[in-house]
Amino acid sequence: MRHRNYRLFFAGQGLSLIGTWMMTVAQSWLILQLTGDPLLLGVVAAVQWLPVLVLGLFGGLIADALPKRRTMLVTQGFAAILSLTMAILVISGTVAVWHVIVVAFLLGIRNAVDLPTRQSFAVEMVGREDVGNAVALNSAMFNGARVIGPAVAGITIGAFGVGAAFLIDAISYLAVIVALLAMRETDLHTRPGIERPTTMRAALGNLAEGLGYVRRTRLVLLPILTVGLVSTFGMNFTVVIPPFVQEVLHGDATAYGFLMAATGVGSVISALAIAFSGRTIPVVIGLGGATLGIAEIVLGGSSSIPIALVAMFVAGVGSISMAATANTLVQLTVPDQLRGRVMSVYTTVFAGSTPFGGLITGAIASGFGAASAIVLGGALSLAAGAAAIASIRGRTIHARRGRPLPATGGEAMEVGAGGLTSVRPR
């Protein structure tokens, strides 16, 4: 927080993310109101994140080639227009399912550029020595908004309707746009970007460079694979929780909002613990995935709202322990000139897994019930987490502020302000 630009970003993005979570709840509830079919929730999730899967790597190329702050001004403004469009359609009573699908698809195209740009912008605001703390605080901010946003959305939808939630989301983007405009360019730790490719061959060559680095670097490949598997099977809350609330808990939009908020509380606590610990221990990636899986198994087997709230809280702890640790490890490992492209691989796998997972989960929920879909997703997440723990084989990497971690090697490493200081088994 000693970095002025980061303080601006934290405040603006924090307010904007509350609106984003309100939009997420409103979109899911609107689909159920229009169709009553959880399979359509999976379809919308797939349509929204499919562009990330297809175009995410090119988004990383844009992040490395163009000024990140200016790119984010465009992506944030575009998202505001989309939310305002949905608010107008809902409030005017003309909204249809195809409207939601088209807007979700356009939002996905925006996410393909915005996600890798925003992830790799952290190091420009705070410098490499503070990037680990910035990533963890970003996770805390994101999930703090998850606490507030769904709860406010549930109350807002109950009192004023779905359209009001979309309208608040559109207005909330002004906060992050103002914050980006107020930043001092001279305070950014900006490094020269890559030469902008002018041919398809050059663009594909730049993408291949980033993919090759991921393939060769175990400290990057392991987190990305684990996050991808768990995201595919166990993190489709917007698909399974709305029908679960209706079918099993017999609740309404307010109950759905508070269940999502419970996940956010667990996520914030987990993210802050990582931020204050000052270290990144890769085994936490597997432990987080396994914890998420166990929580979902308990959730799917329960019909009690108090038990469901506790299970969602634990799921939040597990999911962010996994994701924040993976994100930080990748950020600390990757060299500056590859950060946008490597983070685009991370975000493509993390977010791009949603199209497949959302469709599969939605189909299972539609055919066998939401509870069955949750239990199956939990079991697969538990298996993926256990596999990640086994692959580390008892070794740990304590990544502290300093230089990038070595690109290869599976030994335990201690990284201090001066770089690598020790290599040892756990």
Protein backbone atom coordinates (compact mmCIF):
# COMPACT_ATOMS: atom_id res chain seq x y z
CA MET A 1 0.00 0.00 0.00
CA ARG A 2 3.03 2.32 0.06
CA HIS A 3 2.73 2.48 -3.75
CA ARG A 4 0.33 5.30 -4.75
CA ASN A 5 -0.68 3.67 -8.02
CA TYR A 6 -1.51 0.42 -6.27
CA ARG A 7 -3.62 2.23 -3.67
CA LEU A 8 -5.64 3.80 -6.48
CA PHE A 9 -5.99 0.46 -8.24
CA PHE A 10 -7.01 -1.32 -5.03
CA ALA A 11 -9.74 1.22 -4.24
CA GLY A 12 -11.13 1.48 -7.77
CA GLN A 13 -10.96 -2.21 -8.59
CA GLY A 14 -12.42 -3.13 -5.22
CA LEU A 15 -15.55 -1.07 -5.84
CA SER A 16 -15.84 -2.28 -9.43
CA LEU A 17 -15.56 -5.93 -8.40
CA ILE A 18 -18.51 -5.57 -6.02
CA GLY A 19 -20.55 -4.63 -9.08
CA THR A 20 -19.08 -7.53 -11.05
CA TRP A 21 -20.20 -10.03 -8.43
CA MET A 22 -23.64 -8.43 -8.39
CA MET A 23 -23.78 -8.92 -12.17
CA THR A 24 -22.72 -12.57 -11.80
CA VAL A 25 -25.55 -13.28 -9.38
CA ALA A 26 -28.04 -11.29 -11.46
CA GLN A 27 -27.10 -13.11 -14.68
CA SER A 28 -27.56 -16.56 -13.13
CA TRP A 29 -30.85 -15.63 -11.47
CA LEU A 30 -32.13 -14.03 -14.68
CA ILE A 31 -31.48 -17.22 -16.67
CA LEU A 32 -33.40 -19.27 -14.10
CA GLN A 33 -36.27 -16.77 -14.24
CA LEU A 34 -36.38 -16.94 -18.05
CA THR A 35 -35.91 -20.70 -18.50
CA GLY A 36 -35.90 -22.61 -15.20
CA ASP A 37 -33.26 -24.96 -16.69
CA PRO A 38 -29.82 -25.23 -15.04
CA LEU A 39 -28.41 -26.52 -18.34
CA LEU A 40 -28.83 -22.98 -19.73
CA LEU A 41 -26.64 -21.72 -16.89
CA GLY A 42 -23.90 -24.01 -18.21
CA VAL A 43 -24.48 -22.79 -21.76
CA VAL A 44 -24.16 -19.13 -20.72
CA ALA A 45 -21.01 -19.90 -18.70
CA ALA A 46 -19.55 -21.72 -21.71
CA VAL A 47 -20.38 -18.89 -24.10
CA GLN A 48 -18.91 -16.31 -21.71
CA TRP A 49 -15.60 -18.10 -21.20
CA LEU A 50 -15.12 -19.81 -24.57
CA PRO A 51 -13.49 -16.67 -26.05
CA VAL A 52 -10.95 -16.77 -23.21
CA LEU A 53 -10.08 -20.34 -24.15
CA VAL A 54 -9.76 -19.51 -27.86
CA LEU A 55 -8.33 -15.98 -27.71
CA GLY A 56 -6.65 -15.89 -24.28
CA LEU A 57 -3.14 -16.52 -25.60
CA PHE A 58 -3.52 -13.65 -28.09
CA GLY A 59 -4.70 -11.53 -25.14
CA GLY A 60 -1.36 -12.25 -23.47
CA LEU A 61 0.42 -11.14 -26.63
CA ILE A 62 -1.52 -7.85 -26.47
CA ALA A 63 -0.59 -7.50 -22.78
CA ASP A 64 3.12 -7.82 -23.61
CA ALA A 65 2.97 -5.54 -26.67
CA LEU A 66 0.68 -2.64 -25.60
CA PRO A 67 0.70 -0.32 -22.53
CA LYS A 68 -1.26 -2.20 -19.89
CA ARG A 69 -2.90 0.79 -18.21
CA ARG A 70 -4.32 2.10 -21.48
CA THR A 71 -5.45 -1.36 -22.52
CA MET A 72 -7.36 -1.73 -19.25
CA LEU A 73 -9.10 1.62 -19.78
CA VAL A 74 -10.55 0.20 -22.99
CA THR A 75 -11.55 -3.18 -21.52
CA GLN A 76 -13.16 -1.66 -18.43
CA GLY A 77 -15.14 0.86 -20.50
CA PHE A 78 -16.37 -1.87 -22.85
CA ALA A 79 -17.58 -3.99 -19.90
CA ALA A 80 -19.47 -0.98 -18.50
CA ILE A 81 -21.32 -0.58 -21.81
CA LEU A 82 -22.30 -4.27 -21.79
CA SER A 83 -23.71 -4.10 -18.24
CA LEU A 84 -25.61 -0.93 -19.05
CA THR A 85 -27.10 -2.66 -22.10
CA MET A 86 -28.32 -5.55 -19.93
CA ALA A 87 -29.81 -3.13 -17.40
CA ILE A 88 -31.77 -1.35 -20.14
CA LEU A 89 -33.03 -4.64 -21.60
CA VAL A 90 -34.18 -5.99 -18.23
CA ILE A 91 -35.74 -2.77 -16.95
CA SER A 92 -37.59 -2.24 -20.24
CA GLY A 93 -38.98 -5.79 -20.10
CA THR A 94 -37.55 -6.76 -23.50
CA VAL A 95 -34.77 -9.09 -22.35
CA ALA A 96 -34.62 -12.58 -23.87
CA VAL A 97 -32.26 -15.51 -23.41
CA TRP A 98 -30.42 -14.73 -26.66
CA HIS A 99 -29.64 -11.24 -25.34
CA VAL A 100 -27.94 -12.75 -22.29
CA ILE A 101 -25.96 -15.17 -24.48
CA VAL A 102 -24.75 -12.46 -26.89
CA VAL A 103 -23.70 -10.11 -24.07
CA ALA A 104 -21.96 -13.00 -22.29
CA PHE A 105 -20.02 -13.79 -25.49
CA LEU A 106 -18.93 -10.16 -25.92
CA LEU A 107 -17.89 -10.05 -22.27
CA GLY A 108 -15.80 -13.16 -22.91
CA ILE A 109 -13.94 -11.45 -25.75
CA ARG A 110 -13.22 -8.56 -23.40
CA ASN A 111 -12.02 -10.97 -20.69
CA ALA A 112 -9.58 -12.61 -23.10
CA VAL A 113 -7.64 -9.33 -23.20
CA ASP A 114 -8.43 -7.92 -19.75
CA LEU A 115 -7.47 -10.94 -17.61
CA PRO A 116 -3.81 -11.40 -18.67
CA THR A 117 -3.35 -7.63 -18.82
CA ARG A 118 -4.71 -7.09 -15.32
CA GLN A 119 -2.77 -10.03 -13.87
CA SER A 120 0.54 -8.86 -15.33
CA PHE A 121 -0.10 -5.20 -14.41
CA ALA A 122 0.53 -5.91 -10.71
CA VAL A 123 4.30 -5.96 -11.08
CA GLU A 124 4.25 -2.62 -12.91
CA MET A 125 2.45 -0.96 -10.01
CA VAL A 126 4.58 -2.29 -7.14
CA GLY A 127 7.80 -3.69 -8.63
CA ARG A 128 9.06 -7.25 -8.43
CA GLU A 129 9.95 -7.16 -4.75
CA ASP A 130 6.33 -6.58 -3.71
CA VAL A 131 4.55 -8.58 -6.42
CA GLY A 132 3.85 -11.57 -4.15
CA ASN A 133 2.04 -9.38 -1.63
CA ALA A 134 0.21 -7.56 -4.42
CA VAL A 135 -1.08 -10.83 -5.90
CA ALA A 136 -2.31 -12.00 -2.50
CA LEU A 137 -3.94 -8.64 -1.77
CA ASN A 138 -5.58 -8.72 -5.20
CA SER A 139 -7.05 -12.09 -4.25
CA ALA A 140 -8.25 -10.65 -0.94
CA MET A 141 -9.81 -7.69 -2.79
CA PHE A 142 -11.47 -9.97 -5.34
CA ASN A 143 -12.93 -12.19 -2.68
CA GLY A 144 -13.82 -9.34 -0.37
CA ALA A 145 -16.02 -8.19 -3.22
CA ARG A 146 -17.36 -11.76 -3.38
CA VAL A 147 -18.52 -11.33 0.23
CA ILE A 148 -20.25 -8.02 -0.36
CA GLY A 149 -21.39 -8.29 -3.98
CA PRO A 150 -23.57 -11.43 -3.86
CA ALA A 151 -25.15 -10.41 -0.55
CA VAL A 152 -25.99 -6.94 -1.87
CA ALA A 153 -27.16 -8.48 -5.15
CA GLY A 154 -29.53 -10.84 -3.37
CA ILE A 155 -31.07 -7.97 -1.39
CA THR A 156 -31.17 -5.68 -4.45
CA ILE A 157 -32.82 -8.29 -6.67
CA GLY A 158 -35.36 -9.06 -3.96
CA ALA A 159 -36.20 -5.37 -3.47
CA PHE A 160 -35.80 -3.80 -6.93
CA GLY A 161 -35.39 -6.61 -9.45
CA VAL A 162 -32.55 -8.00 -11.57
CA GLY A 163 -32.20 -4.86 -13.69
CA ALA A 164 -31.03 -2.78 -10.73
CA ALA A 165 -28.10 -5.14 -10.13
CA PHE A 166 -26.92 -4.77 -13.74
CA LEU A 167 -27.25 -0.98 -13.50
CA ILE A 168 -25.14 -0.82 -10.33
CA ASP A 169 -22.48 -2.96 -12.03
CA ALA A 170 -22.35 -0.56 -15.00
CA ILE A 171 -21.91 2.44 -12.68
CA SER A 172 -19.24 0.65 -10.60
CA TYR A 173 -16.85 0.54 -13.57
CA LEU A 174 -16.43 4.32 -13.24
CA ALA A 175 -14.43 3.71 -10.05
CA VAL A 176 -11.67 1.70 -11.70
CA ILE A 177 -11.63 3.93 -14.80
CA VAL A 178 -11.10 7.03 -12.61
CA ALA A 179 -8.38 5.18 -10.67
CA LEU A 180 -6.52 4.22 -13.84
CA LEU A 181 -6.72 7.79 -15.16
CA ALA A 182 -5.39 9.16 -11.84
CA MET A 183 -2.27 6.97 -11.85
CA ARG A 184 1.14 8.56 -12.40
CA GLU A 185 2.76 7.03 -15.46
CA THR A 186 6.23 7.90 -14.16
CA ASP A 187 5.69 5.79 -11.02
CA LEU A 188 4.96 2.61 -12.99
CA HIS A 189 7.73 0.01 -13.19
CA THR A 190 7.25 -0.28 -16.92
CA ARG A 191 9.72 -2.32 -18.93
CA PRO A 192 10.04 -2.26 -22.71
CA GLY A 193 7.39 -4.44 -24.30
CA ILE A 194 8.02 -6.91 -27.05
CA GLU A 195 8.11 -5.70 -30.62
CA ARG A 196 4.59 -5.67 -31.94
CA PRO A 197 4.23 -8.54 -34.42
CA THR A 198 3.20 -7.39 -37.86
CA THR A 199 2.58 -10.82 -39.39
CA MET A 200 0.71 -13.92 -38.31
CA ARG A 201 3.98 -15.86 -38.36
CA ALA A 202 5.58 -13.40 -35.95
CA ALA A 203 2.52 -13.50 -33.66
CA LEU A 204 2.54 -17.31 -33.59
CA GLY A 205 6.27 -17.27 -32.89
CA ASN A 206 5.72 -15.04 -29.85
CA LEU A 207 2.95 -17.32 -28.61
CA ALA A 208 5.15 -20.37 -29.08
CA GLU A 209 7.86 -18.72 -26.97
CA GLY A 210 5.47 -18.33 -24.04
CA LEU A 211 4.03 -21.84 -24.39
CA GLY A 212 7.52 -23.32 -24.62
CA TYR A 213 8.54 -21.63 -21.40
CA VAL A 214 5.49 -23.06 -19.61
CA ARG A 215 6.18 -26.56 -20.95
CA ARG A 216 9.83 -26.48 -19.82
CA THR A 217 9.31 -24.91 -16.41
CA ARG A 218 7.97 -27.26 -13.76
CA LEU A 219 7.28 -24.43 -11.28
CA VAL A 220 4.88 -22.96 -13.83
CA LEU A 221 3.44 -26.10 -15.42
CA LEU A 222 2.38 -27.80 -12.16
CA PRO A 223 0.30 -24.87 -10.83
CA ILE A 224 -1.36 -24.31 -14.20
CA LEU A 225 -2.33 -27.97 -14.63
CA THR A 226 -3.72 -28.25 -11.10
CA VAL A 227 -5.71 -25.02 -11.33
CA GLY A 228 -7.07 -26.09 -14.73
CA LEU A 229 -8.31 -29.46 -13.50
CA VAL A 230 -9.91 -28.12 -10.32
CA SER A 231 -11.48 -25.18 -12.16
CA THR A 232 -13.02 -27.52 -14.72
CA PHE A 233 -14.71 -29.80 -12.22
CA GLY A 234 -15.04 -27.98 -8.92
CA MET A 235 -15.40 -24.22 -9.39
CA ASN A 236 -18.67 -23.91 -11.31
CA PHE A 237 -20.57 -22.29 -8.45
CA THR A 238 -22.62 -19.98 -10.69
CA VAL A 239 -23.93 -23.06 -12.52
CA VAL A 240 -24.78 -25.41 -9.64
CA ILE A 241 -25.52 -23.22 -6.63
CA PRO A 242 -28.66 -21.44 -7.99
CA PRO A 243 -30.50 -24.73 -8.76
CA PHE A 244 -29.11 -26.27 -5.54
CA VAL A 245 -30.66 -23.39 -3.56
CA GLN A 246 -34.01 -23.93 -5.30
CA GLU A 247 -34.10 -27.76 -5.38
CA VAL A 248 -32.45 -28.75 -2.10
CA LEU A 249 -32.42 -25.74 0.23
CA HIS A 250 -35.75 -24.30 -1.03
CA GLY A 251 -34.33 -20.79 -0.85
CA ASP A 252 -34.51 -17.62 -2.96
CA ALA A 253 -32.09 -15.09 -4.47
CA THR A 254 -31.18 -13.80 -1.02
CA ALA A 255 -30.13 -17.30 0.13
CA TYR A 256 -28.10 -17.72 -3.05
CA GLY A 257 -26.38 -14.39 -2.44
CA PHE A 258 -25.41 -15.30 1.12
CA LEU A 259 -24.08 -18.72 0.09
CA MET A 260 -21.81 -17.02 -2.45
CA ALA A 261 -20.84 -14.48 0.20
CA ALA A 262 -19.83 -17.32 2.56
CA THR A 263 -17.41 -18.52 -0.09
CA GLY A 264 -16.04 -14.99 -0.28
CA VAL A 265 -15.45 -14.82 3.48
CA GLY A 266 -13.37 -17.99 3.35
CA SER A 267 -11.51 -16.70 0.32
CA VAL A 268 -10.63 -13.36 1.96
CA ILE A 269 -9.30 -15.05 5.08
CA SER A 270 -7.22 -17.42 2.96
CA ALA A 271 -5.85 -14.63 0.75
CA LEU A 272 -4.89 -12.43 3.71
CA ALA A 273 -3.16 -15.35 5.41
CA ILE A 274 -1.05 -15.84 2.28
CA ALA A 275 -0.30 -12.10 2.03
CA PHE A 276 0.90 -11.85 5.63
CA SER A 277 2.84 -15.13 5.60
CA GLY A 278 5.40 -13.70 3.17
CA ARG A 279 6.02 -17.05 1.52
CA THR A 280 4.62 -19.29 -1.17
CA ILE A 281 4.59 -23.04 -0.50
CA PRO A 282 3.61 -25.03 -3.60
CA VAL A 283 2.10 -27.94 -1.66
CA VAL A 284 -0.69 -25.51 -0.69
CA ILE A 285 -1.84 -25.67 -4.32
CA GLY A 286 -2.71 -29.36 -3.93
CA LEU A 287 -4.01 -28.96 -0.39
CA GLY A 288 -6.31 -26.16 -1.51
CA GLY A 289 -7.76 -28.22 -4.34
CA ALA A 290 -8.33 -31.17 -2.02
CA THR A 291 -9.97 -28.95 0.62
CA LEU A 292 -12.33 -27.53 -2.00
CA GLY A 293 -13.25 -31.06 -3.07
CA ILE A 294 -14.05 -32.23 0.45
CA ALA A 295 -16.17 -29.12 1.12
CA GLU A 296 -18.20 -29.72 -2.03
CA ILE A 297 -18.84 -33.35 -1.13
CA VAL A 298 -20.20 -32.20 2.24
CA LEU A 299 -22.25 -29.47 0.55
CA GLY A 300 -23.83 -31.83 -1.98
CA GLY A 301 -24.82 -34.25 0.76
CA SER A 302 -26.50 -31.60 2.94
CA SER A 303 -29.96 -30.05 2.91
CA SER A 304 -29.29 -27.63 5.78
CA ILE A 305 -28.55 -23.96 5.10
CA PRO A 306 -26.17 -23.60 8.11
CA ILE A 307 -24.14 -26.64 6.96
CA ALA A 308 -24.21 -25.31 3.40
CA LEU A 309 -22.84 -21.96 4.58
CA VAL A 310 -19.98 -23.65 6.45
CA ALA A 311 -19.19 -25.86 3.45
CA MET A 312 -19.14 -22.85 1.11
CA PHE A 313 -16.84 -21.03 3.56
CA VAL A 314 -14.39 -23.96 3.51
CA ALA A 315 -14.68 -24.17 -0.28
CA GLY A 316 -13.64 -20.51 -0.44
CA VAL A 317 -10.60 -21.19 1.76
CA GLY A 318 -9.53 -24.09 -0.45
CA SER A 319 -10.11 -22.44 -3.81
CA ILE A 320 -8.14 -19.28 -3.04
CA SER A 321 -5.36 -21.13 -1.22
CA MET A 322 -4.89 -22.99 -4.48
CA ALA A 323 -5.39 -20.10 -6.93
CA ALA A 324 -3.46 -17.37 -5.08
CA THR A 325 -0.51 -19.67 -4.40
CA ALA A 326 -0.44 -20.80 -8.02
CA ASN A 327 -0.69 -17.23 -9.31
CA THR A 328 2.10 -15.96 -7.03
CA LEU A 329 4.40 -18.87 -7.87
CA VAL A 330 3.97 -18.24 -11.59
CA GLN A 331 4.51 -14.47 -11.19
CA LEU A 332 7.70 -14.99 -9.18
CA THR A 333 9.07 -17.51 -11.64
CA VAL A 334 8.42 -15.88 -15.02
CA PRO A 335 10.82 -13.30 -16.54
CA ASP A 336 9.40 -9.83 -17.22
CA GLN A 337 9.41 -10.04 -21.01
CA LEU A 338 7.28 -13.20 -20.94
CA ARG A 339 4.89 -12.25 -18.14
CA GLY A 340 1.89 -11.31 -20.26
CA ARG A 341 2.09 -14.43 -22.41
CA VAL A 342 2.70 -16.82 -19.51
CA MET A 343 -0.09 -15.22 -17.44
CA SER A 344 -2.35 -15.58 -20.46
CA VAL A 345 -1.69 -19.33 -20.34
CA TYR A 346 -2.62 -19.29 -16.65
CA THR A 347 -5.79 -17.24 -17.16
CA THR A 348 -6.74 -19.21 -20.27
CA VAL A 349 -6.55 -22.48 -18.36
CA PHE A 350 -8.16 -21.03 -15.21
CA ALA A 351 -11.03 -19.18 -16.89
CA GLY A 352 -11.11 -21.11 -20.14
CA SER A 353 -11.81 -24.37 -18.37
CA THR A 354 -15.23 -22.96 -17.47
CA PRO A 355 -16.82 -23.65 -20.89
CA PHE A 356 -16.20 -27.38 -20.55
CA GLY A 357 -16.80 -27.59 -16.83
CA GLY A 358 -19.90 -25.40 -17.00
CA LEU A 359 -21.51 -27.46 -19.74
CA ILE A 360 -20.69 -30.77 -18.07
CA THR A 361 -21.84 -29.57 -14.65
CA GLY A 362 -24.99 -27.99 -16.06
CA ALA A 363 -25.87 -31.18 -17.95
CA ILE A 364 -25.39 -33.33 -14.82
CA ALA A 365 -27.43 -30.88 -12.73
CA SER A 366 -30.20 -30.90 -15.33
CA GLY A 367 -30.32 -34.69 -15.62
CA PHE A 368 -29.48 -35.91 -12.10
CA GLY A 369 -29.92 -32.89 -9.84
CA ALA A 370 -27.64 -30.12 -8.62
CA ALA A 371 -26.55 -32.07 -5.52
CA SER A 372 -25.17 -34.92 -7.67
CA ALA A 373 -23.26 -32.44 -9.83
CA ILE A 374 -21.71 -30.82 -6.75
CA VAL A 375 -20.62 -34.15 -5.22
CA LEU A 376 -19.08 -35.38 -8.48
CA GLY A 377 -17.20 -32.10 -8.96
CA GLY A 378 -15.95 -32.31 -5.39
CA ALA A 379 -14.70 -35.87 -5.84
CA LEU A 380 -12.78 -34.96 -9.01
CA SER A 381 -11.29 -31.85 -7.36
CA LEU A 382 -10.18 -33.97 -4.41
CA ALA A 383 -8.47 -36.37 -6.80
CA ALA A 384 -6.72 -33.52 -8.67
CA GLY A 385 -5.53 -31.98 -5.40
CA ALA A 386 -4.20 -35.30 -4.15
CA ALA A 387 -2.33 -35.83 -7.43
CA ALA A 388 -0.73 -32.39 -7.09
CA ILE A 389 0.38 -33.14 -3.53
CA ALA A 390 1.92 -36.43 -4.68
CA SER A 391 3.77 -34.75 -7.55
CA ILE A 392 5.57 -32.38 -5.19
CA ARG A 393 6.98 -35.42 -3.33
CA GLY A 394 7.52 -33.72 -0.01
CA ARG A 395 9.49 -30.78 -1.38
CA THR A 396 8.66 -27.15 -0.66
CA ILE A 397 9.59 -23.82 -2.20
CA HIS A 398 9.58 -20.76 0.03
CA ALA A 399 9.26 -17.88 -2.40
CA ARG A 400 9.85 -14.49 -0.83
CA ARG A 401 10.38 -11.06 -2.27
CA GLY A 402 13.25 -10.88 -4.70
CA ARG A 403 14.38 -12.04 -8.07
CA PRO A 404 12.54 -14.52 -10.28
CA LEU A 405 12.86 -18.13 -9.26
CA PRO A 406 15.07 -20.37 -11.41
CA ALA A 407 13.31 -21.67 -14.49
CA THR A 408 13.96 -25.33 -13.83
CA GLY A 409 14.55 -27.77 -11.03
CA GLY A 410 12.39 -29.50 -8.48
CA GLU A 411 14.45 -29.00 -5.31
CA ALA A 412 13.29 -26.87 -2.40
CA MET A 413 14.44 -23.26 -2.74
CA GLU A 414 14.64 -20.28 -0.43
CA VAL A 415 14.51 -16.93 -2.22
CA GLY A 416 15.42 -13.79 -0.34
CA ALA A 417 16.00 -10.17 -1.28
CA GLY A 418 19.28 -11.10 -2.90
CA GLY A 419 17.95 -14.04 -4.89
CA LEU A 420 18.43 -17.77 -4.33
CA THR A 421 19.85 -18.44 -0.85
CA SER A 422 19.40 -22.17 -0.29
CA VAL A 423 18.35 -25.43 -1.89
CA ARG A 424 17.19 -28.18 0.45
CA PRO A 425 14.60 -30.94 0.88
CA ARG A 426 11.62 -30.13 3.02
